[in-house]
Amino acid sequence: MNPDNPFVGKTVAVTGKLDNYTRDSIQTRLRELGAKPVSKVSQRTDYLILGVRPGNKLLKALALGITVLSEQEFENLNSWRE
């Protein structure tokens, strides 16, 4: 894995509907990046990827100080891969 990959070893949750990914495909992509996709936000979550109409995960992530990424920010962080 590329050492510049910001997702290696990180725990990532997703909330809301994404434009370019289904729930399964984002989880697959996260695993390919070396991340651990999770369904719940907790103190151990490193990132929350934010889609349209997010649920309570966003409020919890903000309360816990978790880094929230838009789908575009997620894609931008992965520009190194190409």
PDB file of N, CA and C in Angstrom:
ATOM      1  N   MET A   1       0.838  -1.191   0.000  1.00  0.00           N
ATOM      2  CA  MET A   1       0.000   0.000   0.000  1.00  0.00           C
ATOM      3  C   MET A   1       0.881   1.252   0.000  1.00  0.00           C
ATOM      4  N   ASN A   2       0.390   2.243  -0.637  1.00  0.00           N
ATOM      5  CA  ASN A   2       1.080   3.520  -0.722  1.00  0.00           C
ATOM      6  C   ASN A   2       1.140   4.171   0.663  1.00  0.00           C
ATOM      7  N   PRO A   3       2.322   4.560   1.124  1.00  0.00           N
ATOM      8  CA  PRO A   3       2.445   5.166   2.458  1.00  0.00           C
ATOM      9  C   PRO A   3       1.735   6.515   2.582  1.00  0.00           C
ATOM     10  N   ASP A   4       1.399   7.146   1.454  1.00  0.00           N
ATOM     11  CA  ASP A   4       0.690   8.421   1.493  1.00  0.00           C
ATOM     12  C   ASP A   4      -0.818   8.237   1.622  1.00  0.00           C
ATOM     13  N   ASN A   5      -1.279   7.015   1.613  1.00  0.00           N
ATOM     14  CA  ASN A   5      -2.703   6.714   1.718  1.00  0.00           C
ATOM     15  C   ASN A   5      -3.194   7.079   3.123  1.00  0.00           C
ATOM     16  N   PRO A   6      -4.078   8.064   3.241  1.00  0.00           N
ATOM     17  CA  PRO A   6      -4.536   8.505   4.564  1.00  0.00           C
ATOM     18  C   PRO A   6      -5.537   7.562   5.219  1.00  0.00           C
ATOM     19  N   PHE A   7      -5.923   6.485   4.553  1.00  0.00           N
ATOM     20  CA  PHE A   7      -6.943   5.594   5.094  1.00  0.00           C
ATOM     21  C   PHE A   7      -6.398   4.283   5.645  1.00  0.00           C
ATOM     22  N   VAL A   8      -5.123   3.994   5.435  1.00  0.00           N
ATOM     23  CA  VAL A   8      -4.548   2.745   5.917  1.00  0.00           C
ATOM     24  C   VAL A   8      -4.689   2.664   7.432  1.00  0.00           C
ATOM     25  N   GLY A   9      -5.320   1.597   7.893  1.00  0.00           N
ATOM     26  CA  GLY A   9      -5.469   1.359   9.321  1.00  0.00           C
ATOM     27  C   GLY A   9      -6.515   2.226  10.000  1.00  0.00           C
ATOM     28  N   LYS A  10      -7.266   2.992   9.248  1.00  0.00           N
ATOM     29  CA  LYS A  10      -8.272   3.891   9.830  1.00  0.00           C
ATOM     30  C   LYS A  10      -9.652   3.239   9.823  1.00  0.00           C
ATOM     31  N   THR A  11     -10.473   3.673  10.754  1.00  0.00           N
ATOM     32  CA  THR A  11     -11.853   3.216  10.861  1.00  0.00           C
ATOM     33  C   THR A  11     -12.750   4.290  10.265  1.00  0.00           C
ATOM     34  N   VAL A  12     -13.598   3.883   9.311  1.00  0.00           N
ATOM     35  CA  VAL A  12     -14.384   4.852   8.545  1.00  0.00           C
ATOM     36  C   VAL A  12     -15.862   4.444   8.522  1.00  0.00           C
ATOM     37  N   ALA A  13     -16.729   5.393   8.846  1.00  0.00           N
ATOM     38  CA  ALA A  13     -18.177   5.201   8.750  1.00  0.00           C
ATOM     39  C   ALA A  13     -18.712   6.067   7.614  1.00  0.00           C
ATOM     40  N   VAL A  14     -19.900   5.735   7.146  1.00  0.00           N
ATOM     41  CA  VAL A  14     -20.537   6.476   6.065  1.00  0.00           C
ATOM     42  C   VAL A  14     -21.968   6.786   6.493  1.00  0.00           C
ATOM     43  N   THR A  15     -22.433   7.990   6.177  1.00  0.00           N
ATOM     44  CA  THR A  15     -23.822   8.333   6.439  1.00  0.00           C
ATOM     45  C   THR A  15     -24.421   9.061   5.246  1.00  0.00           C
ATOM     46  N   GLY A  16     -25.691   8.814   4.997  1.00  0.00           N
ATOM     47  CA  GLY A  16     -26.373   9.461   3.879  1.00  0.00           C
ATOM     48  C   GLY A  16     -26.146   8.731   2.569  1.00  0.00           C
ATOM     49  N   LYS A  17     -26.805   9.229   1.532  1.00  0.00           N
ATOM     50  CA  LYS A  17     -26.705   8.633   0.195  1.00  0.00           C
ATOM     51  C   LYS A  17     -25.554   9.289  -0.566  1.00  0.00           C
ATOM     52  N   LEU A  18     -24.687   8.453  -1.107  1.00  0.00           N
ATOM     53  CA  LEU A  18     -23.555   8.940  -1.878  1.00  0.00           C
ATOM     54  C   LEU A  18     -23.903   8.951  -3.366  1.00  0.00           C
ATOM     55  N   ASP A  19     -23.313   9.885  -4.099  1.00  0.00           N
ATOM     56  CA  ASP A  19     -23.578  10.006  -5.538  1.00  0.00           C
ATOM     57  C   ASP A  19     -22.894   8.920  -6.355  1.00  0.00           C
ATOM     58  N   ASN A  20     -21.657   8.596  -5.989  1.00  0.00           N
ATOM     59  CA  ASN A  20     -20.840   7.722  -6.829  1.00  0.00           C
ATOM     60  C   ASN A  20     -20.632   6.317  -6.280  1.00  0.00           C
ATOM     61  N   TYR A  21     -21.220   6.014  -5.141  1.00  0.00           N
ATOM     62  CA  TYR A  21     -21.025   4.709  -4.516  1.00  0.00           C
ATOM     63  C   TYR A  21     -22.344   4.188  -3.951  1.00  0.00           C
ATOM     64  N   THR A  22     -22.514   2.878  -4.031  1.00  0.00           N
ATOM     65  CA  THR A  22     -23.543   2.220  -3.245  1.00  0.00           C
ATOM     66  C   THR A  22     -22.921   1.938  -1.883  1.00  0.00           C
ATOM     67  N   ARG A  23     -23.703   1.519  -0.938  1.00  0.00           N
ATOM     68  CA  ARG A  23     -23.152   1.189   0.380  1.00  0.00           C
ATOM     69  C   ARG A  23     -22.110   0.075   0.258  1.00  0.00           C
ATOM     70  N   ASP A  24     -22.407  -0.945  -0.541  1.00  0.00           N
ATOM     71  CA  ASP A  24     -21.449  -2.042  -0.715  1.00  0.00           C
ATOM     72  C   ASP A  24     -20.177  -1.584  -1.413  1.00  0.00           C
ATOM     73  N   SER A  25     -20.318  -0.747  -2.437  1.00  0.00           N
ATOM     74  CA  SER A  25     -19.122  -0.349  -3.186  1.00  0.00           C
ATOM     75  C   SER A  25     -18.218   0.578  -2.371  1.00  0.00           C
ATOM     76  N   ILE A  26     -18.774   1.430  -1.513  1.00  0.00           N
ATOM     77  CA  ILE A  26     -17.906   2.282  -0.688  1.00  0.00           C
ATOM     78  C   ILE A  26     -17.177   1.433   0.344  1.00  0.00           C
ATOM     79  N   GLN A  27     -17.852   0.426   0.871  1.00  0.00           N
ATOM     80  CA  GLN A  27     -17.185  -0.451   1.831  1.00  0.00           C
ATOM     81  C   GLN A  27     -16.068  -1.245   1.161  1.00  0.00           C
ATOM     82  N   THR A  28     -16.319  -1.701  -0.045  1.00  0.00           N
ATOM     83  CA  THR A  28     -15.275  -2.403  -0.802  1.00  0.00           C
ATOM     84  C   THR A  28     -14.099  -1.473  -1.060  1.00  0.00           C
ATOM     85  N   ARG A  29     -14.386  -0.243  -1.480  1.00  0.00           N
ATOM     86  CA  ARG A  29     -13.319   0.728  -1.771  1.00  0.00           C
ATOM     87  C   ARG A  29     -12.510   1.027  -0.518  1.00  0.00           C
ATOM     88  N   LEU A  30     -13.186   1.199   0.608  1.00  0.00           N
ATOM     89  CA  LEU A  30     -12.471   1.465   1.858  1.00  0.00           C
ATOM     90  C   LEU A  30     -11.545   0.308   2.219  1.00  0.00           C
ATOM     91  N   ARG A  31     -12.014  -0.906   2.048  1.00  0.00           N
ATOM     92  CA  ARG A  31     -11.162  -2.076   2.329  1.00  0.00           C
ATOM     93  C   ARG A  31      -9.954  -2.093   1.401  1.00  0.00           C
ATOM     94  N   GLU A  32     -10.164  -1.759   0.130  1.00  0.00           N
ATOM     95  CA  GLU A  32      -9.055  -1.693  -0.834  1.00  0.00           C
ATOM     96  C   GLU A  32      -8.007  -0.667  -0.393  1.00  0.00           C
ATOM     97  N   LEU A  33      -8.463   0.380   0.266  1.00  0.00           N
ATOM     98  CA  LEU A  33      -7.562   1.432   0.745  1.00  0.00           C
ATOM     99  C   LEU A  33      -6.901   1.082   2.077  1.00  0.00           C
ATOM    100  N   GLY A  34      -7.263  -0.071   2.641  1.00  0.00           N
ATOM    101  CA  GLY A  34      -6.674  -0.497   3.899  1.00  0.00           C
ATOM    102  C   GLY A  34      -7.420  -0.003   5.119  1.00  0.00           C
ATOM    103  N   ALA A  35      -8.622   0.535   4.913  1.00  0.00           N
ATOM    104  CA  ALA A  35      -9.437   1.027   6.023  1.00  0.00           C
ATOM    105  C   ALA A  35     -10.390  -0.057   6.505  1.00  0.00           C
ATOM    106  N   LYS A  36     -10.938   0.165   7.686  1.00  0.00           N
ATOM    107  CA  LYS A  36     -11.951  -0.722   8.238  1.00  0.00           C
ATOM    108  C   LYS A  36     -13.286   0.019   8.204  1.00  0.00           C
ATOM    109  N   PRO A  37     -14.203  -0.372   7.306  1.00  0.00           N
ATOM    110  CA  PRO A  37     -15.517   0.273   7.287  1.00  0.00           C
ATOM    111  C   PRO A  37     -16.357  -0.210   8.465  1.00  0.00           C
ATOM    112  N   VAL A  38     -17.070   0.705   9.099  1.00  0.00           N
ATOM    113  CA  VAL A  38     -17.941   0.366  10.222  1.00  0.00           C
ATOM    114  C   VAL A  38     -19.312   0.988  10.006  1.00  0.00           C
ATOM    115  N   SER A  39     -20.302   0.434  10.673  1.00  0.00           N
ATOM    116  CA  SER A  39     -21.665   0.930  10.495  1.00  0.00           C
ATOM    117  C   SER A  39     -22.065   1.946  11.557  1.00  0.00           C
ATOM    118  N   LYS A  40     -21.298   2.027  12.635  1.00  0.00           N
ATOM    119  CA  LYS A  40     -21.624   2.954  13.718  1.00  0.00           C
ATOM    120  C   LYS A  40     -20.455   3.884  14.000  1.00  0.00           C
ATOM    121  N   VAL A  41     -20.770   5.079  14.446  1.00  0.00           N
ATOM    122  CA  VAL A  41     -19.751   6.051  14.843  1.00  0.00           C
ATOM    123  C   VAL A  41     -19.460   5.860  16.328  1.00  0.00           C
ATOM    124  N   SER A  42     -18.181   5.804  16.663  1.00  0.00           N
ATOM    125  CA  SER A  42     -17.761   5.700  18.057  1.00  0.00           C
ATOM    126  C   SER A  42     -16.466   6.483  18.243  1.00  0.00           C
ATOM    127  N   GLN A  43     -15.957   6.472  19.447  1.00  0.00           N
ATOM    128  CA  GLN A  43     -14.690   7.162  19.726  1.00  0.00           C
ATOM    129  C   GLN A  43     -13.551   6.606  18.888  1.00  0.00           C
ATOM    130  N   ARG A  44     -13.684   5.377  18.428  1.00  0.00           N
ATOM    131  CA  ARG A  44     -12.624   4.739  17.629  1.00  0.00           C
ATOM    132  C   ARG A  44     -12.736   5.056  16.137  1.00  0.00           C
ATOM    133  N   THR A  45     -13.765   5.798  15.726  1.00  0.00           N
ATOM    134  CA  THR A  45     -13.936   6.150  14.321  1.00  0.00           C
ATOM    135  C   THR A  45     -12.995   7.294  13.964  1.00  0.00           C
ATOM    136  N   ASP A  46     -12.278   7.134  12.853  1.00  0.00           N
ATOM    137  CA  ASP A  46     -11.346   8.168  12.397  1.00  0.00           C
ATOM    138  C   ASP A  46     -11.986   9.152  11.434  1.00  0.00           C
ATOM    139  N   TYR A  47     -12.839   8.647  10.533  1.00  0.00           N
ATOM    140  CA  TYR A  47     -13.472   9.490   9.523  1.00  0.00           C
ATOM    141  C   TYR A  47     -14.942   9.113   9.378  1.00  0.00           C
ATOM    142  N   LEU A  48     -15.744  10.114   9.021  1.00  0.00           N
ATOM    143  CA  LEU A  48     -17.125   9.892   8.598  1.00  0.00           C
ATOM    144  C   LEU A  48     -17.268  10.489   7.215  1.00  0.00           C
ATOM    145  N   ILE A  49     -17.684   9.674   6.244  1.00  0.00           N
ATOM    146  CA  ILE A  49     -17.933  10.164   4.893  1.00  0.00           C
ATOM    147  C   ILE A  49     -19.402  10.548   4.831  1.00  0.00           C
ATOM    148  N   LEU A  50     -19.642  11.774   4.407  1.00  0.00           N
ATOM    149  CA  LEU A  50     -20.960  12.379   4.481  1.00  0.00           C
ATOM    150  C   LEU A  50     -21.648  12.412   3.121  1.00  0.00           C
ATOM    151  N   GLY A  51     -22.828  11.805   3.063  1.00  0.00           N
ATOM    152  CA  GLY A  51     -23.640  11.851   1.857  1.00  0.00           C
ATOM    153  C   GLY A  51     -24.841  12.762   2.060  1.00  0.00           C
ATOM    154  N   VAL A  52     -25.767  12.705   1.123  1.00  0.00           N
ATOM    155  CA  VAL A  52     -26.984  13.510   1.168  1.00  0.00           C
ATOM    156  C   VAL A  52     -27.935  12.938   2.226  1.00  0.00           C
ATOM    157  N   ARG A  53     -28.590  13.830   2.951  1.00  0.00           N
ATOM    158  CA  ARG A  53     -29.526  13.469   4.013  1.00  0.00           C
ATOM    159  C   ARG A  53     -28.887  12.546   5.052  1.00  0.00           C
ATOM    160  N   PRO A  54     -27.855  13.030   5.717  1.00  0.00           N
ATOM    161  CA  PRO A  54     -27.191  12.216   6.727  1.00  0.00           C
ATOM    162  C   PRO A  54     -28.107  11.983   7.926  1.00  0.00           C
ATOM    163  N   GLY A  55     -27.816  10.930   8.632  1.00  0.00           N
ATOM    164  CA  GLY A  55     -28.586  10.603   9.817  1.00  0.00           C
ATOM    165  C   GLY A  55     -27.885  11.075  11.080  1.00  0.00           C
ATOM    166  N   ASN A  56     -28.189  10.424  12.166  1.00  0.00           N
ATOM    167  CA  ASN A  56     -27.643  10.781  13.476  1.00  0.00           C
ATOM    168  C   ASN A  56     -26.136  10.563  13.574  1.00  0.00           C
ATOM    169  N   LYS A  57     -25.577   9.799  12.670  1.00  0.00           N
ATOM    170  CA  LYS A  57     -24.129   9.577  12.693  1.00  0.00           C
ATOM    171  C   LYS A  57     -23.380  10.903  12.605  1.00  0.00           C
ATOM    172  N   LEU A  58     -23.898  11.843  11.821  1.00  0.00           N
ATOM    173  CA  LEU A  58     -23.229  13.131  11.682  1.00  0.00           C
ATOM    174  C   LEU A  58     -23.198  13.871  13.015  1.00  0.00           C
ATOM    175  N   LEU A  59     -24.311  13.917  13.714  1.00  0.00           N
ATOM    176  CA  LEU A  59     -24.347  14.604  15.009  1.00  0.00           C
ATOM    177  C   LEU A  59     -23.377  13.963  15.999  1.00  0.00           C
ATOM    178  N   LYS A  60     -23.346  12.648  16.014  1.00  0.00           N
ATOM    179  CA  LYS A  60     -22.442  11.943  16.929  1.00  0.00           C
ATOM    180  C   LYS A  60     -20.985  12.209  16.559  1.00  0.00           C
ATOM    181  N   ALA A  61     -20.682  12.179  15.253  1.00  0.00           N
ATOM    182  CA  ALA A  61     -19.306  12.431  14.813  1.00  0.00           C
ATOM    183  C   ALA A  61     -18.860  13.833  15.201  1.00  0.00           C
ATOM    184  N   LEU A  62     -19.728  14.808  15.007  1.00  0.00           N
ATOM    185  CA  LEU A  62     -19.389  16.185  15.376  1.00  0.00           C
ATOM    186  C   LEU A  62     -19.169  16.308  16.883  1.00  0.00           C
ATOM    187  N   ALA A  63     -20.001  15.655  17.654  1.00  0.00           N
ATOM    188  CA  ALA A  63     -19.858  15.699  19.117  1.00  0.00           C
ATOM    189  C   ALA A  63     -18.557  15.054  19.574  1.00  0.00           C
ATOM    190  N   LEU A  64     -18.101  14.035  18.843  1.00  0.00           N
ATOM    191  CA  LEU A  64     -16.875  13.323  19.207  1.00  0.00           C
ATOM    192  C   LEU A  64     -15.620  13.924  18.566  1.00  0.00           C
ATOM    193  N   GLY A  65     -15.796  14.927  17.721  1.00  0.00           N
ATOM    194  CA  GLY A  65     -14.646  15.552  17.071  1.00  0.00           C
ATOM    195  C   GLY A  65     -14.039  14.727  15.952  1.00  0.00           C
ATOM    196  N   ILE A  66     -14.837  13.875  15.335  1.00  0.00           N
ATOM    197  CA  ILE A  66     -14.368  13.020  14.247  1.00  0.00           C
ATOM    198  C   ILE A  66     -14.305  13.834  12.953  1.00  0.00           C
ATOM    199  N   THR A  67     -13.298  13.581  12.151  1.00  0.00           N
ATOM    200  CA  THR A  67     -13.154  14.263  10.871  1.00  0.00           C
ATOM    201  C   THR A  67     -14.270  13.833   9.927  1.00  0.00           C
ATOM    202  N   VAL A  68     -15.022  14.812   9.422  1.00  0.00           N
ATOM    203  CA  VAL A  68     -16.124  14.545   8.498  1.00  0.00           C
ATOM    204  C   VAL A  68     -15.674  14.957   7.099  1.00  0.00           C
ATOM    205  N   LEU A  69     -15.814  14.020   6.157  1.00  0.00           N
ATOM    206  CA  LEU A  69     -15.415  14.254   4.770  1.00  0.00           C
ATOM    207  C   LEU A  69     -16.633  14.190   3.865  1.00  0.00           C
ATOM    208  N   SER A  70     -16.748  15.137   2.950  1.00  0.00           N
ATOM    209  CA  SER A  70     -17.757  15.009   1.904  1.00  0.00           C
ATOM    210  C   SER A  70     -17.279  13.910   0.958  1.00  0.00           C
ATOM    211  N   GLU A  71     -18.167  13.457   0.090  1.00  0.00           N
ATOM    212  CA  GLU A  71     -17.765  12.452  -0.885  1.00  0.00           C
ATOM    213  C   GLU A  71     -16.645  13.000  -1.773  1.00  0.00           C
ATOM    214  N   GLN A  72     -16.724  14.274  -2.139  1.00  0.00           N
ATOM    215  CA  GLN A  72     -15.691  14.894  -2.964  1.00  0.00           C
ATOM    216  C   GLN A  72     -14.349  14.966  -2.221  1.00  0.00           C
ATOM    217  N   GLU A  73     -14.385  15.306  -0.948  1.00  0.00           N
ATOM    218  CA  GLU A  73     -13.144  15.338  -0.157  1.00  0.00           C
ATOM    219  C   GLU A  73     -12.535  13.949  -0.066  1.00  0.00           C
ATOM    220  N   PHE A  74     -13.372  12.931   0.087  1.00  0.00           N
ATOM    221  CA  PHE A  74     -12.894  11.546   0.094  1.00  0.00           C
ATOM    222  C   PHE A  74     -12.171  11.247  -1.212  1.00  0.00           C
ATOM    223  N   GLU A  75     -12.786  11.619  -2.331  1.00  0.00           N
ATOM    224  CA  GLU A  75     -12.169  11.391  -3.641  1.00  0.00           C
ATOM    225  C   GLU A  75     -10.860  12.173  -3.776  1.00  0.00           C
ATOM    226  N   ASN A  76     -10.843  13.415  -3.323  1.00  0.00           N
ATOM    227  CA  ASN A  76      -9.634  14.244  -3.412  1.00  0.00           C
ATOM    228  C   ASN A  76      -8.485  13.651  -2.607  1.00  0.00           C
ATOM    229  N   LEU A  77      -8.787  13.080  -1.460  1.00  0.00           N
ATOM    230  CA  LEU A  77      -7.744  12.463  -0.642  1.00  0.00           C
ATOM    231  C   LEU A  77      -7.146  11.238  -1.320  1.00  0.00           C
ATOM    232  N   ASN A  78      -7.857  10.707  -2.293  1.00  0.00           N
ATOM    233  CA  ASN A  78      -7.385   9.520  -2.990  1.00  0.00           C
ATOM    234  C   ASN A  78      -6.798   9.825  -4.356  1.00  0.00           C
ATOM    235  N   SER A  79      -6.553  11.083  -4.636  1.00  0.00           N
ATOM    236  CA  SER A  79      -6.005  11.455  -5.945  1.00  0.00           C
ATOM    237  C   SER A  79      -4.613  10.884  -6.160  1.00  0.00           C
ATOM    238  N   TRP A  80      -3.901  10.539  -5.099  1.00  0.00           N
ATOM    239  CA  TRP A  80      -2.555   9.966  -5.214  1.00  0.00           C
ATOM    240  C   TRP A  80      -2.574   8.622  -5.910  1.00  0.00           C
ATOM    241  N   ARG A  81      -3.695   7.917  -5.890  1.00  0.00           N
ATOM    242  CA  ARG A  81      -3.737   6.549  -6.387  1.00  0.00           C
ATOM    243  C   ARG A  81      -3.679   6.444  -7.903  1.00  0.00           C
ATOM    244  N   GLU A  82      -3.882   7.557  -8.607  1.00  0.00           N
ATOM    245  CA  GLU A  82      -4.006   7.489 -10.058  1.00  0.00           C
ATOM    246  C   GLU A  82      -2.756   7.866 -10.791  1.00  0.00           C
TER     247      GLU A  82
END
